[in-house]
N, C-alpha and C. Protein backbone atom coordinates (compact mmCIF):
# COMPACT_ATOMS: atom_id res chain seq x y z
N MET A 1 101.13 156.16 128.97
CA MET A 1 101.30 155.22 129.30
C MET A 1 100.32 153.80 128.26
N ALA A 2 99.90 154.44 127.94
CA ALA A 2 98.74 153.92 126.44
C ALA A 2 99.36 153.61 125.66
N GLU A 3 100.25 154.85 125.61
CA GLU A 3 101.23 154.38 124.18
C GLU A 3 102.23 154.03 123.66
N LYS A 4 103.10 153.35 125.01
CA LYS A 4 104.00 151.93 125.31
C LYS A 4 103.12 150.38 124.62
N LYS A 5 101.97 150.55 124.98
CA LYS A 5 100.98 149.12 124.33
C LYS A 5 101.73 148.85 123.79
N VAL A 6 101.90 147.09 123.78
CA VAL A 6 102.19 146.60 122.53
C VAL A 6 100.85 145.64 121.76
N ILE A 7 101.69 145.60 121.30
CA ILE A 7 99.90 144.81 120.59
C ILE A 7 100.11 143.14 119.94
N LEU A 8 100.44 142.32 120.44
CA LEU A 8 100.49 141.14 120.07
C LEU A 8 99.77 140.58 119.30
N PRO A 9 100.07 139.62 117.53
CA PRO A 9 98.90 139.69 117.16
C PRO A 9 98.62 138.16 117.22
N VAL A 10 96.85 137.47 116.93
CA VAL A 10 96.34 136.96 116.98
C VAL A 10 96.36 135.85 116.36
N VAL A 11 96.52 134.14 116.74
CA VAL A 11 96.07 133.51 115.40
C VAL A 11 94.90 133.34 115.56
N GLN A 12 94.53 133.21 113.84
CA GLN A 12 92.91 132.89 113.85
C GLN A 12 92.59 131.65 112.99
N LYS A 13 91.65 130.81 112.95
CA LYS A 13 91.18 129.97 112.86
C LYS A 13 91.54 129.96 111.89
N GLU A 14 91.45 129.19 110.26
CA GLU A 14 91.10 129.06 108.91
C GLU A 14 89.65 128.67 108.59
N ASN A 15 88.97 128.96 108.01
CA ASN A 15 88.19 128.48 107.60
C ASN A 15 88.10 126.93 106.87
N LYS A 16 88.21 125.70 106.50
CA LYS A 16 88.48 125.15 106.05
C LYS A 16 87.25 125.11 104.90
N ALA A 17 87.62 125.11 103.90
CA ALA A 17 86.88 124.53 102.50
C ALA A 17 86.57 123.35 102.29
N VAL A 18 85.13 123.43 101.65
CA VAL A 18 85.02 121.50 101.58
C VAL A 18 85.46 121.29 100.40
N LEU A 19 85.36 119.68 100.64
CA LEU A 19 86.11 119.29 99.18
C LEU A 19 85.28 119.10 98.09
N SER A 20 85.65 119.02 97.27
CA SER A 20 84.45 118.63 96.65
C SER A 20 84.44 117.05 96.04
N HIS A 21 85.45 116.38 95.80
CA HIS A 21 84.89 114.68 96.38
C HIS A 21 85.35 113.97 97.59
N PRO A 22 84.28 114.57 98.76
CA PRO A 22 84.44 114.27 100.22
C PRO A 22 84.75 112.48 100.36
N GLY A 23 84.94 111.90 100.24
CA GLY A 23 85.30 110.41 99.70
C GLY A 23 86.57 110.45 99.09
N THR A 24 86.81 110.79 98.53
CA THR A 24 88.34 110.24 98.54
C THR A 24 89.73 111.48 98.98
N GLY A 25 89.02 112.77 99.77
CA GLY A 25 89.61 113.57 99.60
C GLY A 25 90.65 114.30 99.07
N CYS A 26 90.14 114.02 97.69
CA CYS A 26 91.09 115.36 96.32
C CYS A 26 89.72 115.86 96.02
N GLY A 27 90.68 117.79 96.53
CA GLY A 27 90.00 118.56 96.15
C GLY A 27 90.00 119.20 94.37
N GLY A 28 90.50 118.11 93.78
CA GLY A 28 90.68 118.88 92.47
C GLY A 28 92.07 118.95 91.77
N CYS A 29 92.66 119.09 91.14
CA CYS A 29 93.64 119.39 90.40
C CYS A 29 94.45 120.10 90.94
N GLY A 30 93.62 121.18 91.17
CA GLY A 30 94.63 122.20 91.37
C GLY A 30 95.36 122.20 93.48
N SER A 31 94.20 121.50 93.40
CA SER A 31 94.49 121.06 95.35
C SER A 31 96.10 120.96 95.93
N LYS A 32 96.38 120.99 96.92
CA LYS A 32 98.23 120.43 97.45
C LYS A 32 98.15 118.76 97.12
N SER A 33 97.06 118.26 97.03
CA SER A 33 97.71 117.16 97.16
C SER A 33 98.03 115.98 95.74
N CYS A 34 97.34 116.72 94.51
CA CYS A 34 98.11 116.49 93.23
C CYS A 34 99.10 116.59 92.89
N LYS A 35 99.99 117.84 93.82
CA LYS A 35 101.16 118.10 93.49
C LYS A 35 102.01 117.29 93.67
N GLY A 36 102.32 116.22 94.44
CA GLY A 36 103.40 115.72 94.64
C GLY A 36 103.27 114.69 93.90
N GLY A 37 102.37 113.79 93.38
CA GLY A 37 102.86 112.78 92.50
C GLY A 37 104.04 111.10 92.86
N GLY A 38 103.71 110.47 92.27
CA GLY A 38 104.39 109.31 93.14
C GLY A 38 105.79 109.19 92.45
N MET A 39 106.56 109.14 93.63
CA MET A 39 108.23 108.92 93.96
C MET A 39 108.41 109.95 93.38
N GLY A 40 108.37 111.45 93.61
CA GLY A 40 108.82 112.49 92.94
C GLY A 40 108.44 112.63 91.48
N ILE A 41 107.82 111.95 90.71
CA ILE A 41 107.17 112.31 89.54
C ILE A 41 105.86 113.58 89.27
N TYR A 42 106.13 114.53 89.26
CA TYR A 42 105.07 115.57 88.71
C TYR A 42 104.65 115.16 87.25
N PRO A 43 102.98 116.15 87.61
CA PRO A 43 102.40 115.67 86.13
C PRO A 43 103.69 116.63 85.09
N GLY A 44 103.36 116.50 84.03
CA GLY A 44 104.43 117.28 83.19
C GLY A 44 105.59 117.05 83.52
N SER A 45 106.11 116.41 83.94
CA SER A 45 107.59 116.18 83.54
C SER A 45 108.71 115.75 82.94
N GLU A 46 109.83 116.23 82.60
CA GLU A 46 110.34 115.62 81.44
C GLU A 46 110.89 114.28 81.46
N LYS A 47 111.19 113.64 80.20
CA LYS A 47 111.44 112.27 80.63
C LYS A 47 112.63 112.09 80.96
N GLU A 48 113.51 112.95 81.36
CA GLU A 48 114.82 113.18 81.93
C GLU A 48 114.55 112.81 83.51
N VAL A 49 113.86 113.21 84.01
CA VAL A 49 113.45 114.06 85.13
C VAL A 49 113.26 112.12 86.31
N VAL A 50 111.97 111.90 85.32
CA VAL A 50 111.34 110.71 85.17
C VAL A 50 112.03 109.71 85.66
N TYR A 51 113.31 109.13 84.33
CA TYR A 51 114.11 108.58 84.15
C TYR A 51 115.10 108.41 85.37
N ARG A 52 115.64 109.41 85.66
CA ARG A 52 116.18 109.48 86.87
C ARG A 52 116.08 109.10 88.55
N ASN A 53 114.30 109.60 88.59
CA ASN A 53 114.48 109.32 90.04
C ASN A 53 113.93 108.08 89.74
N ILE A 54 112.95 107.24 88.54
CA ILE A 54 113.00 105.61 89.13
C ILE A 54 114.41 105.30 88.82
N PHE A 55 116.08 105.42 88.56
CA PHE A 55 116.99 105.17 88.79
C PHE A 55 117.59 105.00 90.30
N LEU A 56 117.60 106.70 90.26
CA LEU A 56 117.27 106.82 91.92
C LEU A 56 116.84 105.67 93.24
N TYR A 57 115.31 105.48 92.89
CA TYR A 57 114.72 104.60 93.26
C TYR A 57 115.76 103.39 92.92
N ALA A 58 115.57 102.75 91.94
CA ALA A 58 116.30 101.10 92.34
C ALA A 58 117.47 101.17 92.42
N THR A 59 118.51 102.30 92.59
CA THR A 59 119.59 101.63 93.33
C THR A 59 119.67 102.01 94.40
N MET A 60 118.65 103.28 94.58
CA MET A 60 118.67 103.23 96.56
C MET A 60 118.22 101.48 97.23
N GLY A 61 116.96 101.07 96.54
CA GLY A 61 116.17 99.50 97.00
C GLY A 61 118.07 98.82 96.60
N LEU A 62 119.23 98.26 95.39
CA LEU A 62 119.49 97.74 95.75
C LEU A 62 120.26 97.99 96.78
N ILE A 63 121.11 99.11 96.65
CA ILE A 63 121.67 99.17 97.57
C ILE A 63 121.65 98.81 99.24
N ILE A 64 119.79 99.02 99.52
CA ILE A 64 119.36 98.52 100.85
C ILE A 64 119.38 96.85 100.47
N PHE A 65 118.90 96.42 99.93
CA PHE A 65 118.97 94.97 99.60
C PHE A 65 120.20 93.90 99.82
N ILE A 66 121.43 94.90 99.48
CA ILE A 66 122.48 94.15 99.76
C ILE A 66 122.66 94.40 100.42
N THR A 67 122.88 95.47 101.50
CA THR A 67 123.92 95.80 102.65
C THR A 67 123.12 95.35 103.73
N THR A 68 121.75 94.93 103.83
CA THR A 68 120.62 93.95 104.70
C THR A 68 120.93 92.63 104.48
N TYR A 69 121.62 91.46 102.72
CA TYR A 69 122.02 90.82 102.83
C TYR A 69 123.86 90.93 103.64
N LEU A 70 124.02 91.81 102.93
CA LEU A 70 125.60 91.29 104.27
C LEU A 70 125.69 91.25 105.11
N ILE A 71 124.69 92.40 106.13
CA ILE A 71 124.51 91.95 107.58
C ILE A 71 124.42 90.66 107.90
N VAL A 72 122.45 90.17 107.48
CA VAL A 72 122.16 89.52 107.75
C VAL A 72 123.35 87.86 107.49
N HIS A 73 124.31 88.09 106.28
CA HIS A 73 125.63 86.75 106.45
C HIS A 73 126.25 87.68 107.47
N LEU A 74 126.67 88.65 107.62
CA LEU A 74 127.81 88.40 108.78
C LEU A 74 127.11 87.57 109.82
N LEU A 75 126.11 88.05 110.32
CA LEU A 75 125.30 88.27 111.64
C LEU A 75 125.60 86.22 111.99
N ASN A 76 124.85 85.70 110.80
CA ASN A 76 125.07 84.51 110.63
C ASN A 76 126.44 83.35 110.41
N LEU A 77 127.42 83.98 110.29
CA LEU A 77 128.81 83.53 110.80
C LEU A 77 129.27 83.86 111.88
N PHE A 78 128.46 84.99 113.14
CA PHE A 78 128.99 84.79 114.52
C PHE A 78 128.64 84.65 115.17
N THR A 79 126.93 83.71 114.28
CA THR A 79 126.86 82.24 115.09
C THR A 79 126.37 81.50 115.06
């Protein structure tokens, strides 16, 4: 009966590393918090990637603004 025993894996807690800058929450340039970049622009990105991301966000903002304006205008026509 001991041969048919199934051993289940156990979840173990990982020890959290002490941050080098506890006030800001930044663990340095190699930490996970620095890999995101603002608006999807990562450190060392090419110019084309940066311009594409900025253009995409500006286009999305313009579409949201125009859609919101049209919805408000249509709602005002009915009321």
